[in-house]
Amino acid sequence: MVLFLCTGCSKKKHIENISKGGFSLEKRNDSLYNLTIKTDSLIDIWELPYPVYQFHVGDIDNNGKKDALVGVIKKTRFDSVIRKRLFIFKNYKGYVRPLWLGSALGQPLVDFNFYNREEPIIRSVEREKRGAFLVAEYRWRRFGLEFVRYLGREMDSITAINMLAINKK
């Protein structure tokens, strides 16, 4: 599912109940979602008590197992401002477990996509300090995301969001 997230824009698609790659995300109310893994003998649920704006499934750590990439809106222990965050969960023997609960990327996060190429990457749109936008790529490295490169900087939000969707595979 692709969500169009424009700064100051009220047009957003809703996440109700989405199943991808063994994970499903169910909206309970505006600020409560359940990330679930169902197997033949087990159902495991990880409660997300905050708004979700994005959901992707893919093998970010390249271990042959699907991971859930969930965009949430919340404050964290290291940043008291309510912002968009990226959380990554893994399937550990049928249980939902956190792989990475990111408090931030390089700049404040606007949106992201997952790309499965030779090396899996996350492409993000971030807001620069002066108000313009950038598009960056990150890859998984041992215990978190590592910056790879900028695809563009100092651009408007429409250009950045369009760049996020280019070459989606």
N, C-alpha and C. Protein backbone atom coordinates (compact mmCIF):
# COMPACT_ATOMS: atom_id res chain seq x y z
N MET A 1 0.85 -1.17 0.00
CA MET A 1 0.00 0.00 0.00
C MET A 1 0.88 1.23 0.00
N VAL A 2 0.55 2.18 -0.82
CA VAL A 2 1.29 3.43 -0.88
C VAL A 2 0.44 4.51 -0.25
N LEU A 3 1.02 5.27 0.63
CA LEU A 3 0.32 6.39 1.23
C LEU A 3 0.92 7.67 0.70
N PHE A 4 0.10 8.60 0.30
CA PHE A 4 0.57 9.89 -0.15
C PHE A 4 0.59 10.82 1.03
N LEU A 5 1.76 11.23 1.45
CA LEU A 5 1.91 12.02 2.65
C LEU A 5 2.54 13.35 2.30
N CYS A 6 1.73 14.33 2.07
CA CYS A 6 2.20 15.66 1.74
C CYS A 6 2.16 16.51 3.00
N THR A 7 3.17 17.31 3.20
CA THR A 7 3.16 18.21 4.33
C THR A 7 2.00 19.18 4.17
N GLY A 8 1.14 19.26 5.16
CA GLY A 8 0.00 20.16 5.11
C GLY A 8 -1.14 19.64 4.25
N CYS A 9 -1.05 18.40 3.79
CA CYS A 9 -2.07 17.83 2.91
C CYS A 9 -2.99 16.94 3.73
N SER A 10 -4.28 16.99 3.49
CA SER A 10 -5.21 16.18 4.26
C SER A 10 -5.61 14.90 3.53
N LYS A 11 -5.08 14.65 2.33
CA LYS A 11 -5.44 13.45 1.58
C LYS A 11 -4.50 12.32 1.96
N LYS A 12 -5.01 11.39 2.80
CA LYS A 12 -4.23 10.23 3.22
C LYS A 12 -5.10 9.00 3.08
N LYS A 13 -4.53 7.93 2.54
CA LYS A 13 -5.25 6.68 2.50
C LYS A 13 -5.18 6.05 3.88
N HIS A 14 -6.16 5.22 4.20
CA HIS A 14 -6.24 4.63 5.53
C HIS A 14 -5.74 3.19 5.51
N ILE A 15 -5.06 2.81 6.56
CA ILE A 15 -4.65 1.42 6.75
C ILE A 15 -5.72 0.76 7.61
N GLU A 16 -6.43 -0.22 7.11
CA GLU A 16 -7.46 -0.90 7.89
C GLU A 16 -6.98 -2.29 8.32
N ASN A 17 -6.73 -3.16 7.35
CA ASN A 17 -6.21 -4.48 7.65
C ASN A 17 -5.46 -4.94 6.41
N ILE A 18 -4.15 -5.04 6.53
CA ILE A 18 -3.29 -5.37 5.41
C ILE A 18 -2.48 -6.60 5.77
N SER A 19 -2.41 -7.57 4.87
CA SER A 19 -1.58 -8.75 5.09
C SER A 19 -0.52 -8.82 4.00
N LYS A 20 0.74 -8.97 4.43
CA LYS A 20 1.86 -9.06 3.49
C LYS A 20 2.93 -9.97 4.08
N GLY A 21 3.43 -10.89 3.32
CA GLY A 21 4.60 -11.67 3.69
C GLY A 21 4.56 -12.30 5.07
N GLY A 22 3.40 -12.77 5.51
CA GLY A 22 3.30 -13.40 6.82
C GLY A 22 2.93 -12.44 7.93
N PHE A 23 3.09 -11.15 7.70
CA PHE A 23 2.69 -10.14 8.68
C PHE A 23 1.35 -9.55 8.27
N SER A 24 0.57 -9.14 9.25
CA SER A 24 -0.62 -8.35 8.95
C SER A 24 -0.67 -7.19 9.93
N LEU A 25 -1.25 -6.09 9.47
CA LEU A 25 -1.41 -4.90 10.28
C LEU A 25 -2.88 -4.57 10.34
N GLU A 26 -3.41 -4.53 11.54
CA GLU A 26 -4.84 -4.27 11.74
C GLU A 26 -5.02 -2.98 12.52
N LYS A 27 -5.86 -2.11 11.98
CA LYS A 27 -6.17 -0.85 12.66
C LYS A 27 -7.31 -1.10 13.64
N ARG A 28 -7.06 -0.85 14.92
CA ARG A 28 -8.09 -1.00 15.94
C ARG A 28 -8.83 0.31 16.16
N ASN A 29 -8.07 1.41 16.17
CA ASN A 29 -8.64 2.76 16.20
C ASN A 29 -7.55 3.71 15.69
N ASP A 30 -7.77 5.01 15.77
CA ASP A 30 -6.83 5.96 15.19
C ASP A 30 -5.41 5.86 15.74
N SER A 31 -5.28 5.40 16.96
CA SER A 31 -3.95 5.34 17.56
C SER A 31 -3.64 3.97 18.16
N LEU A 32 -4.24 2.93 17.62
CA LEU A 32 -3.92 1.57 18.07
C LEU A 32 -3.96 0.62 16.88
N TYR A 33 -2.82 -0.01 16.64
CA TYR A 33 -2.68 -0.98 15.56
C TYR A 33 -2.08 -2.25 16.14
N ASN A 34 -2.39 -3.38 15.53
CA ASN A 34 -1.79 -4.65 15.90
C ASN A 34 -1.00 -5.20 14.72
N LEU A 35 0.28 -5.46 14.94
CA LEU A 35 1.12 -6.15 13.97
C LEU A 35 1.09 -7.62 14.36
N THR A 36 0.69 -8.48 13.42
CA THR A 36 0.42 -9.87 13.74
C THR A 36 1.16 -10.81 12.80
N ILE A 37 1.60 -11.94 13.36
CA ILE A 37 2.11 -13.07 12.57
C ILE A 37 1.23 -14.27 12.91
N LYS A 38 0.72 -14.93 11.87
CA LYS A 38 -0.09 -16.13 12.06
C LYS A 38 0.62 -17.31 11.44
N THR A 39 0.77 -18.39 12.20
CA THR A 39 1.27 -19.65 11.68
C THR A 39 0.18 -20.69 11.90
N ASP A 40 0.45 -21.93 11.54
CA ASP A 40 -0.55 -22.98 11.72
C ASP A 40 -0.94 -23.17 13.18
N SER A 41 0.01 -22.97 14.08
CA SER A 41 -0.27 -23.26 15.50
C SER A 41 -0.16 -22.05 16.42
N LEU A 42 0.12 -20.85 15.86
CA LEU A 42 0.40 -19.71 16.72
C LEU A 42 -0.06 -18.41 16.07
N ILE A 43 -0.58 -17.52 16.89
CA ILE A 43 -0.85 -16.15 16.48
C ILE A 43 -0.13 -15.26 17.48
N ASP A 44 0.79 -14.42 16.99
CA ASP A 44 1.50 -13.50 17.88
C ASP A 44 1.19 -12.08 17.45
N ILE A 45 0.92 -11.22 18.44
CA ILE A 45 0.52 -9.83 18.18
C ILE A 45 1.46 -8.89 18.91
N TRP A 46 1.91 -7.86 18.18
CA TRP A 46 2.68 -6.77 18.78
C TRP A 46 1.81 -5.52 18.67
N GLU A 47 1.42 -5.00 19.82
CA GLU A 47 0.55 -3.83 19.85
C GLU A 47 1.35 -2.55 19.58
N LEU A 48 0.87 -1.75 18.66
CA LEU A 48 1.47 -0.46 18.33
C LEU A 48 0.49 0.63 18.77
N PRO A 49 0.69 1.20 19.97
CA PRO A 49 -0.29 2.17 20.50
C PRO A 49 -0.05 3.60 20.03
N TYR A 50 0.11 3.77 18.73
CA TYR A 50 0.31 5.10 18.13
C TYR A 50 -0.11 5.01 16.66
N PRO A 51 -0.34 6.16 16.03
CA PRO A 51 -0.75 6.14 14.62
C PRO A 51 0.32 5.52 13.71
N VAL A 52 -0.14 4.81 12.69
CA VAL A 52 0.72 4.21 11.68
C VAL A 52 0.44 4.89 10.35
N TYR A 53 1.49 5.29 9.64
CA TYR A 53 1.29 5.97 8.36
C TYR A 53 1.84 5.17 7.18
N GLN A 54 2.58 4.09 7.44
CA GLN A 54 3.18 3.34 6.34
C GLN A 54 3.44 1.91 6.80
N PHE A 55 3.36 0.94 5.87
CA PHE A 55 3.60 -0.47 6.19
C PHE A 55 4.14 -1.17 4.95
N HIS A 56 5.32 -1.77 5.09
CA HIS A 56 5.93 -2.57 4.03
C HIS A 56 6.45 -3.86 4.63
N VAL A 57 6.59 -4.87 3.80
CA VAL A 57 7.20 -6.13 4.23
C VAL A 57 8.29 -6.48 3.22
N GLY A 58 9.47 -6.83 3.73
CA GLY A 58 10.58 -7.23 2.89
C GLY A 58 11.74 -7.69 3.74
N ASP A 59 12.69 -8.31 3.14
CA ASP A 59 13.84 -8.87 3.86
C ASP A 59 14.95 -7.81 3.93
N ILE A 60 14.85 -6.88 4.85
CA ILE A 60 15.80 -5.77 4.95
C ILE A 60 17.18 -6.24 5.39
N ASP A 61 17.26 -7.24 6.27
CA ASP A 61 18.55 -7.70 6.78
C ASP A 61 19.14 -8.84 5.96
N ASN A 62 18.48 -9.18 4.84
CA ASN A 62 19.00 -10.15 3.87
C ASN A 62 19.30 -11.52 4.49
N ASN A 63 18.42 -11.97 5.41
CA ASN A 63 18.62 -13.27 6.03
C ASN A 63 17.66 -14.33 5.50
N GLY A 64 16.89 -13.99 4.46
CA GLY A 64 15.96 -14.95 3.88
C GLY A 64 14.59 -14.94 4.52
N LYS A 65 14.35 -14.11 5.52
CA LYS A 65 13.06 -14.03 6.20
C LYS A 65 12.50 -12.62 6.06
N LYS A 66 11.19 -12.53 5.88
CA LYS A 66 10.53 -11.24 5.72
C LYS A 66 10.52 -10.47 7.04
N ASP A 67 10.70 -9.16 6.91
CA ASP A 67 10.62 -8.24 8.04
C ASP A 67 9.49 -7.26 7.78
N ALA A 68 8.91 -6.70 8.82
CA ALA A 68 7.86 -5.69 8.69
C ALA A 68 8.48 -4.32 8.95
N LEU A 69 8.28 -3.40 8.02
CA LEU A 69 8.75 -2.02 8.16
C LEU A 69 7.52 -1.16 8.39
N VAL A 70 7.43 -0.57 9.56
CA VAL A 70 6.22 0.14 9.97
C VAL A 70 6.58 1.59 10.27
N GLY A 71 5.89 2.50 9.62
CA GLY A 71 6.05 3.92 9.90
C GLY A 71 5.07 4.32 10.98
N VAL A 72 5.57 4.80 12.11
CA VAL A 72 4.73 5.20 13.23
C VAL A 72 4.94 6.68 13.53
N ILE A 73 3.99 7.25 14.24
CA ILE A 73 4.08 8.66 14.64
C ILE A 73 4.08 8.69 16.16
N LYS A 74 5.22 9.11 16.74
CA LYS A 74 5.34 9.11 18.19
C LYS A 74 6.59 9.84 18.63
N LYS A 75 6.70 10.09 19.92
CA LYS A 75 7.96 10.58 20.46
C LYS A 75 8.75 9.37 20.95
N THR A 76 10.03 9.54 21.18
CA THR A 76 10.86 8.44 21.66
C THR A 76 11.64 8.89 22.89
N ARG A 77 12.32 7.96 23.47
CA ARG A 77 13.14 8.24 24.64
C ARG A 77 14.21 9.30 24.32
N PHE A 78 14.71 9.30 23.09
CA PHE A 78 15.80 10.20 22.72
C PHE A 78 15.33 11.46 21.99
N ASP A 79 14.03 11.54 21.69
CA ASP A 79 13.48 12.72 21.00
C ASP A 79 12.05 12.92 21.50
N SER A 80 11.83 13.99 22.25
CA SER A 80 10.52 14.22 22.89
C SER A 80 9.49 14.85 21.95
N VAL A 81 9.86 15.10 20.69
CA VAL A 81 8.93 15.67 19.72
C VAL A 81 8.19 14.53 19.01
N ILE A 82 6.87 14.67 18.85
CA ILE A 82 6.10 13.68 18.12
C ILE A 82 6.45 13.82 16.63
N ARG A 83 7.01 12.76 16.06
CA ARG A 83 7.46 12.76 14.66
C ARG A 83 7.18 11.39 14.03
N LYS A 84 7.37 11.35 12.73
CA LYS A 84 7.30 10.07 12.02
C LYS A 84 8.59 9.31 12.28
N ARG A 85 8.44 8.04 12.57
CA ARG A 85 9.56 7.14 12.86
C ARG A 85 9.45 5.91 11.98
N LEU A 86 10.53 5.16 11.91
CA LEU A 86 10.55 3.88 11.20
C LEU A 86 10.90 2.79 12.20
N PHE A 87 10.01 1.82 12.34
CA PHE A 87 10.25 0.65 13.18
C PHE A 87 10.34 -0.56 12.26
N ILE A 88 11.28 -1.46 12.57
CA ILE A 88 11.44 -2.69 11.80
C ILE A 88 11.28 -3.87 12.75
N PHE A 89 10.41 -4.80 12.37
CA PHE A 89 10.15 -6.00 13.17
C PHE A 89 10.53 -7.23 12.37
N LYS A 90 10.95 -8.27 13.09
CA LYS A 90 11.30 -9.53 12.44
C LYS A 90 10.36 -10.63 12.89
N ASN A 91 10.35 -11.71 12.14
CA ASN A 91 9.62 -12.91 12.49
C ASN A 91 10.63 -13.85 13.14
N TYR A 92 10.56 -13.97 14.46
CA TYR A 92 11.48 -14.84 15.19
C TYR A 92 10.72 -16.06 15.66
N LYS A 93 10.81 -17.15 14.89
CA LYS A 93 10.16 -18.42 15.22
C LYS A 93 8.66 -18.25 15.43
N GLY A 94 8.05 -17.41 14.59
CA GLY A 94 6.61 -17.20 14.67
C GLY A 94 6.18 -16.09 15.61
N TYR A 95 7.14 -15.40 16.22
CA TYR A 95 6.84 -14.31 17.13
C TYR A 95 7.28 -12.98 16.52
N VAL A 96 6.49 -11.94 16.72
CA VAL A 96 6.86 -10.59 16.29
C VAL A 96 7.87 -10.05 17.28
N ARG A 97 9.04 -9.68 16.79
CA ARG A 97 10.08 -9.12 17.67
C ARG A 97 10.72 -7.91 16.99
N PRO A 98 11.07 -6.89 17.77
CA PRO A 98 11.70 -5.72 17.16
C PRO A 98 13.09 -6.03 16.65
N LEU A 99 13.38 -5.55 15.46
CA LEU A 99 14.72 -5.62 14.89
C LEU A 99 15.41 -4.27 15.06
N TRP A 100 14.64 -3.19 14.85
CA TRP A 100 15.18 -1.83 15.00
C TRP A 100 14.02 -0.89 15.26
N LEU A 101 14.09 -0.15 16.35
CA LEU A 101 13.07 0.84 16.69
C LEU A 101 13.73 2.20 16.59
N GLY A 102 13.77 2.72 15.38
CA GLY A 102 14.55 3.93 15.10
C GLY A 102 13.94 5.19 15.67
N SER A 103 14.76 5.98 16.34
CA SER A 103 14.28 7.27 16.81
C SER A 103 14.43 8.32 15.72
N ALA A 104 15.36 8.11 14.78
CA ALA A 104 15.54 9.08 13.68
C ALA A 104 16.44 8.50 12.60
N LEU A 105 16.29 9.07 11.40
CA LEU A 105 17.25 8.84 10.33
C LEU A 105 18.16 10.07 10.35
N GLY A 106 18.64 10.52 9.21
CA GLY A 106 19.51 11.69 9.19
C GLY A 106 18.80 12.98 9.53
N GLN A 107 17.59 13.16 8.97
CA GLN A 107 16.77 14.36 9.17
C GLN A 107 15.36 13.87 9.53
N PRO A 108 14.46 14.78 9.92
CA PRO A 108 13.09 14.34 10.22
C PRO A 108 12.44 13.63 9.03
N LEU A 109 11.89 12.46 9.30
CA LEU A 109 11.32 11.58 8.29
C LEU A 109 9.95 12.07 7.82
N VAL A 110 9.73 12.03 6.51
CA VAL A 110 8.44 12.37 5.92
C VAL A 110 7.75 11.10 5.43
N ASP A 111 8.48 10.24 4.73
CA ASP A 111 7.92 9.00 4.19
C ASP A 111 9.07 8.08 3.80
N PHE A 112 8.76 6.80 3.52
CA PHE A 112 9.79 5.85 3.10
C PHE A 112 9.17 4.77 2.24
N ASN A 113 10.01 4.07 1.50
CA ASN A 113 9.65 2.88 0.73
C ASN A 113 10.74 1.84 0.90
N PHE A 114 10.38 0.59 0.70
CA PHE A 114 11.33 -0.51 0.72
C PHE A 114 11.55 -0.97 -0.71
N TYR A 115 12.82 -1.20 -1.07
CA TYR A 115 13.18 -1.66 -2.40
C TYR A 115 13.99 -2.93 -2.26
N ASN A 116 13.59 -3.97 -3.00
CA ASN A 116 14.30 -5.24 -2.95
C ASN A 116 15.10 -5.36 -4.24
N ARG A 117 16.36 -5.05 -4.14
CA ARG A 117 17.26 -5.11 -5.29
C ARG A 117 18.36 -6.11 -4.98
N GLU A 118 19.54 -5.95 -5.60
CA GLU A 118 20.66 -6.84 -5.26
C GLU A 118 20.90 -6.78 -3.76
N GLU A 119 20.81 -5.59 -3.22
CA GLU A 119 20.90 -5.37 -1.78
C GLU A 119 19.64 -4.62 -1.38
N PRO A 120 18.88 -5.12 -0.40
CA PRO A 120 17.65 -4.42 -0.01
C PRO A 120 17.97 -3.04 0.56
N ILE A 121 17.15 -2.04 0.19
CA ILE A 121 17.36 -0.69 0.68
C ILE A 121 16.04 -0.06 1.11
N ILE A 122 16.17 0.95 1.93
CA ILE A 122 15.06 1.82 2.28
C ILE A 122 15.37 3.18 1.68
N ARG A 123 14.41 3.70 0.94
CA ARG A 123 14.53 5.04 0.39
C ARG A 123 13.61 5.94 1.21
N SER A 124 14.14 7.06 1.66
CA SER A 124 13.38 7.95 2.53
C SER A 124 13.28 9.36 1.95
N VAL A 125 12.18 10.02 2.30
CA VAL A 125 12.05 11.46 2.08
C VAL A 125 12.17 12.07 3.47
N GLU A 126 13.08 13.05 3.59
CA GLU A 126 13.33 13.70 4.87
C GLU A 126 13.28 15.21 4.68
N ARG A 127 12.92 15.91 5.74
CA ARG A 127 12.86 17.37 5.69
C ARG A 127 14.18 17.95 6.18
N GLU A 128 14.78 18.79 5.34
CA GLU A 128 16.04 19.42 5.71
C GLU A 128 15.78 20.58 6.67
N LYS A 129 16.81 21.02 7.35
CA LYS A 129 16.67 22.07 8.36
C LYS A 129 16.11 23.36 7.81
N ARG A 130 16.42 23.69 6.57
CA ARG A 130 15.93 24.95 5.98
C ARG A 130 14.54 24.79 5.37
N GLY A 131 13.91 23.62 5.51
CA GLY A 131 12.55 23.43 5.05
C GLY A 131 12.40 22.70 3.73
N ALA A 132 13.46 22.57 2.96
CA ALA A 132 13.40 21.81 1.71
C ALA A 132 13.42 20.31 2.04
N PHE A 133 13.38 19.47 1.03
CA PHE A 133 13.33 18.03 1.23
C PHE A 133 14.51 17.35 0.56
N LEU A 134 14.85 16.16 1.06
CA LEU A 134 15.89 15.34 0.47
C LEU A 134 15.38 13.92 0.32
N VAL A 135 16.01 13.17 -0.57
CA VAL A 135 15.73 11.75 -0.73
C VAL A 135 17.04 11.01 -0.49
N ALA A 136 17.01 10.05 0.44
CA ALA A 136 18.22 9.31 0.81
C ALA A 136 17.94 7.81 0.75
N GLU A 137 19.02 7.04 0.64
CA GLU A 137 18.91 5.58 0.69
C GLU A 137 19.72 5.06 1.88
N TYR A 138 19.17 4.01 2.51
CA TYR A 138 19.80 3.35 3.65
C TYR A 138 19.79 1.85 3.43
N ARG A 139 20.77 1.17 4.00
CA ARG A 139 20.80 -0.30 3.97
C ARG A 139 21.01 -0.79 5.40
N TRP A 140 20.72 -2.07 5.59
CA TRP A 140 20.88 -2.67 6.91
C TRP A 140 22.34 -3.04 7.13
N ARG A 141 22.87 -2.69 8.29
CA ARG A 141 24.21 -3.07 8.70
C ARG A 141 24.19 -3.49 10.15
N ARG A 142 24.31 -4.76 10.39
CA ARG A 142 24.39 -5.41 11.70
C ARG A 142 23.33 -5.00 12.70
N PHE A 143 23.35 -3.78 13.22
CA PHE A 143 22.43 -3.40 14.29
C PHE A 143 21.57 -2.20 13.95
N GLY A 144 21.50 -1.83 12.69
CA GLY A 144 20.69 -0.68 12.33
C GLY A 144 20.87 -0.28 10.88
N LEU A 145 20.31 0.85 10.55
CA LEU A 145 20.39 1.35 9.18
C LEU A 145 21.62 2.20 8.99
N GLU A 146 22.25 2.03 7.82
CA GLU A 146 23.45 2.78 7.45
C GLU A 146 23.13 3.62 6.23
N PHE A 147 23.50 4.89 6.29
CA PHE A 147 23.31 5.79 5.16
C PHE A 147 24.13 5.31 3.97
N VAL A 148 23.50 5.30 2.77
CA VAL A 148 24.20 4.90 1.55
C VAL A 148 24.51 6.12 0.69
N ARG A 149 23.45 6.89 0.34
CA ARG A 149 23.67 8.03 -0.54
C ARG A 149 22.43 8.91 -0.58
N TYR A 150 22.65 10.14 -1.04
CA TYR A 150 21.55 11.05 -1.34
C TYR A 150 21.19 10.89 -2.80
N LEU A 151 19.90 10.83 -3.10
CA LEU A 151 19.44 10.83 -4.49
C LEU A 151 19.11 12.25 -4.92
N GLY A 152 18.89 13.11 -3.96
CA GLY A 152 18.61 14.51 -4.24
C GLY A 152 18.46 15.28 -2.95
N ARG A 153 18.79 16.58 -3.04
CA ARG A 153 18.68 17.46 -1.86
C ARG A 153 18.10 18.79 -2.29
N GLU A 154 17.62 19.53 -1.30
CA GLU A 154 17.10 20.89 -1.54
C GLU A 154 16.02 20.90 -2.62
N MET A 155 15.04 20.01 -2.49
CA MET A 155 13.96 19.94 -3.48
C MET A 155 12.62 20.18 -2.81
N ASP A 156 11.58 20.41 -3.62
CA ASP A 156 10.24 20.60 -3.06
C ASP A 156 9.63 19.23 -2.73
N SER A 157 8.54 19.23 -1.96
CA SER A 157 7.95 17.98 -1.47
C SER A 157 7.41 17.11 -2.61
N ILE A 158 6.83 17.71 -3.63
CA ILE A 158 6.27 16.92 -4.74
C ILE A 158 7.37 16.18 -5.49
N THR A 159 8.46 16.85 -5.77
CA THR A 159 9.59 16.21 -6.45
C THR A 159 10.15 15.07 -5.60
N ALA A 160 10.28 15.31 -4.31
CA ALA A 160 10.82 14.28 -3.40
C ALA A 160 9.92 13.06 -3.33
N ILE A 161 8.61 13.27 -3.16
CA ILE A 161 7.67 12.15 -3.08
C ILE A 161 7.66 11.38 -4.40
N ASN A 162 7.72 12.09 -5.52
CA ASN A 162 7.79 11.41 -6.83
C ASN A 162 9.06 10.59 -6.96
N MET A 163 10.17 11.09 -6.47
CA MET A 163 11.44 10.37 -6.52
C MET A 163 11.38 9.11 -5.64
N LEU A 164 10.61 9.17 -4.57
CA LEU A 164 10.46 8.03 -3.68
C LEU A 164 9.85 6.84 -4.43
N ALA A 165 8.96 7.12 -5.35
CA ALA A 165 8.24 6.05 -6.06
C ALA A 165 8.96 5.58 -7.33
N ILE A 166 9.94 6.31 -7.82
CA ILE A 166 10.62 5.94 -9.06
C ILE A 166 11.39 4.63 -8.89
N ASN A 167 11.28 3.78 -9.90
CA ASN A 167 11.98 2.48 -9.94
C ASN A 167 11.62 1.57 -8.79
N LYS A 168 10.40 1.65 -8.31
CA LYS A 168 9.96 0.74 -7.24
C LYS A 168 9.85 -0.66 -7.80
N LYS A 169 10.59 -1.59 -7.22
CA LYS A 169 10.57 -2.99 -7.69
C LYS A 169 10.19 -3.88 -6.55
